[in-house]
């Protein structure tokens, strides 16, 4: 049963990430020129990174009530944030800021999850 839970969490996380990617591709297509592509990457960054942050933080608070759904949201949020910082034409400053946010979220989530496990 434990393996099934892990598979479920990963499937939930993959579905969240796929939904975000499909949403960006469906509603905000990239244009063909390099300059427009850089603007596109920046705009996607400013929408998708906070969305991933919301997923991960919401998952952290849901983890106590329903561990399996919270875990799926946390992993999906982290993957969504990685998608936001992955474009090759994103500026180095934004990439740095995005990685800093991902790291802060990882520290926050780890602190909340693993300290609560230690107390129980």
Protein backbone atom coordinates (compact mmCIF):
# COMPACT_ATOMS: atom_id res chain seq x y z
CA UNK A 1 0.00 0.00 0.00
CA UNK A 2 2.92 2.36 0.69
CA UNK A 3 4.20 2.00 -2.88
CA UNK A 4 0.73 2.81 -4.19
CA UNK A 5 0.68 6.01 -2.12
CA UNK A 6 4.06 7.08 -3.52
CA UNK A 7 2.87 6.40 -7.06
CA UNK A 8 -0.31 8.38 -6.37
CA UNK A 9 1.63 11.36 -4.99
CA UNK A 10 3.93 11.36 -8.02
CA UNK A 11 0.98 11.09 -10.41
CA UNK A 12 -0.76 13.99 -8.65
CA UNK A 13 2.42 16.09 -8.82
CA UNK A 14 3.01 15.25 -12.48
CA UNK A 15 -0.60 16.15 -13.29
CA UNK A 16 -0.25 19.55 -11.59
CA UNK A 17 2.95 20.30 -13.49
CA UNK A 18 1.45 19.11 -16.78
CA UNK A 19 -1.67 21.24 -16.19
CA UNK A 20 0.45 24.37 -15.65
CA UNK A 21 2.59 23.68 -18.74
CA UNK A 22 -0.49 22.95 -20.86
CA UNK A 23 -2.15 26.11 -19.56
CA UNK A 24 0.84 28.25 -20.49
CA UNK A 25 1.02 26.65 -23.95
CA UNK A 26 -2.71 26.99 -24.52
CA UNK A 27 -3.25 30.54 -23.32
CA UNK A 28 0.13 32.24 -23.76
CA UNK A 29 1.97 30.92 -26.79
CA UNK A 30 5.57 31.92 -27.46
CA UNK A 31 6.28 34.03 -30.53
CA UNK A 32 9.04 33.19 -32.96
CA UNK A 33 11.52 36.06 -32.42
CA UNK A 34 14.31 35.85 -29.82
CA UNK A 35 13.47 39.17 -28.15
CA UNK A 36 9.79 38.29 -27.81
CA UNK A 37 10.82 34.89 -26.50
CA UNK A 38 12.80 36.51 -23.66
CA UNK A 39 9.78 38.63 -22.73
CA UNK A 40 7.61 35.52 -22.89
CA UNK A 41 9.96 33.65 -20.52
CA UNK A 42 9.92 36.58 -18.10
CA UNK A 43 6.12 36.83 -18.13
CA UNK A 44 5.76 33.09 -17.61
CA UNK A 45 8.23 33.33 -14.72
CA UNK A 46 6.16 36.02 -12.97
CA UNK A 47 2.96 33.97 -13.26
CA UNK A 48 4.16 30.40 -12.82
CA UNK A 49 6.65 30.84 -9.97
CA UNK A 50 4.06 32.35 -7.58
CA UNK A 51 1.57 29.68 -8.66
CA UNK A 52 4.06 26.96 -7.75
CA UNK A 53 4.71 28.74 -4.47
CA UNK A 54 0.99 28.69 -3.68
CA UNK A 55 0.77 24.95 -4.48
CA UNK A 56 3.76 24.10 -2.29
CA UNK A 57 2.69 26.24 0.68
CA UNK A 58 -0.92 25.05 0.46
CA UNK A 59 0.34 21.48 0.34
CA UNK A 60 2.37 22.12 3.47
CA UNK A 61 -0.71 23.21 5.38
CA UNK A 62 -2.81 20.37 3.94
CA UNK A 63 -0.13 17.83 4.81
CA UNK A 64 -1.34 17.61 8.40
CA UNK A 65 -4.95 16.85 7.47
CA UNK A 66 -4.46 14.67 4.44
CA UNK A 67 -0.84 13.71 3.98
CA UNK A 68 -1.15 12.23 0.53
CA UNK A 69 -2.82 15.26 -1.08
CA UNK A 70 -0.51 17.69 0.66
CA UNK A 71 2.55 15.76 -0.50
CA UNK A 72 1.26 15.79 -4.09
CA UNK A 73 0.71 19.55 -3.95
CA UNK A 74 4.16 20.14 -2.47
CA UNK A 75 5.94 18.10 -5.14
CA UNK A 76 3.74 19.57 -7.89
CA UNK A 77 4.43 23.09 -6.64
CA UNK A 78 8.16 22.47 -6.58
CA UNK A 79 8.06 21.09 -10.13
CA UNK A 80 6.00 24.06 -11.26
CA UNK A 81 8.57 26.45 -9.82
CA UNK A 82 11.37 24.57 -11.59
CA UNK A 83 9.43 24.96 -14.85
CA UNK A 84 9.31 28.73 -14.20
CA UNK A 85 13.10 29.02 -13.90
CA UNK A 86 14.03 26.52 -16.63
CA UNK A 87 13.76 28.59 -19.86
CA UNK A 88 17.21 29.08 -21.39
CA UNK A 89 16.48 32.70 -22.32
CA UNK A 90 15.42 33.81 -18.83
CA UNK A 91 17.68 36.53 -17.45
CA UNK A 92 20.29 35.48 -14.93
CA UNK A 93 18.86 37.84 -12.32
CA UNK A 94 15.40 36.30 -12.56
CA UNK A 95 16.84 32.80 -12.57
CA UNK A 96 18.83 33.64 -9.42
CA UNK A 97 15.74 35.10 -7.72
CA UNK A 98 13.67 32.08 -8.75
CA UNK A 99 16.21 29.62 -7.39
CA UNK A 100 16.35 31.62 -4.14
CA UNK A 101 12.55 31.39 -3.85
CA UNK A 102 12.63 27.64 -4.55
CA UNK A 103 15.30 27.20 -1.88
CA UNK A 104 13.31 29.24 0.66
CA UNK A 105 10.20 27.20 -0.06
CA UNK A 106 12.16 23.97 0.34
CA UNK A 107 13.48 25.16 3.70
CA UNK A 108 9.99 26.25 4.81
CA UNK A 109 8.34 23.01 3.70
CA UNK A 110 11.09 20.87 5.17
CA UNK A 111 10.94 22.73 8.45
CA UNK A 112 7.16 22.42 8.72
CA UNK A 113 6.98 18.78 7.63
CA UNK A 114 10.00 17.27 9.32
CA UNK A 115 9.71 19.18 12.59
CA UNK A 116 6.07 18.14 12.89
CA UNK A 117 7.07 14.52 12.26
CA UNK A 118 9.70 14.79 14.95
CA UNK A 119 7.19 16.10 17.51
CA UNK A 120 4.75 13.24 16.96
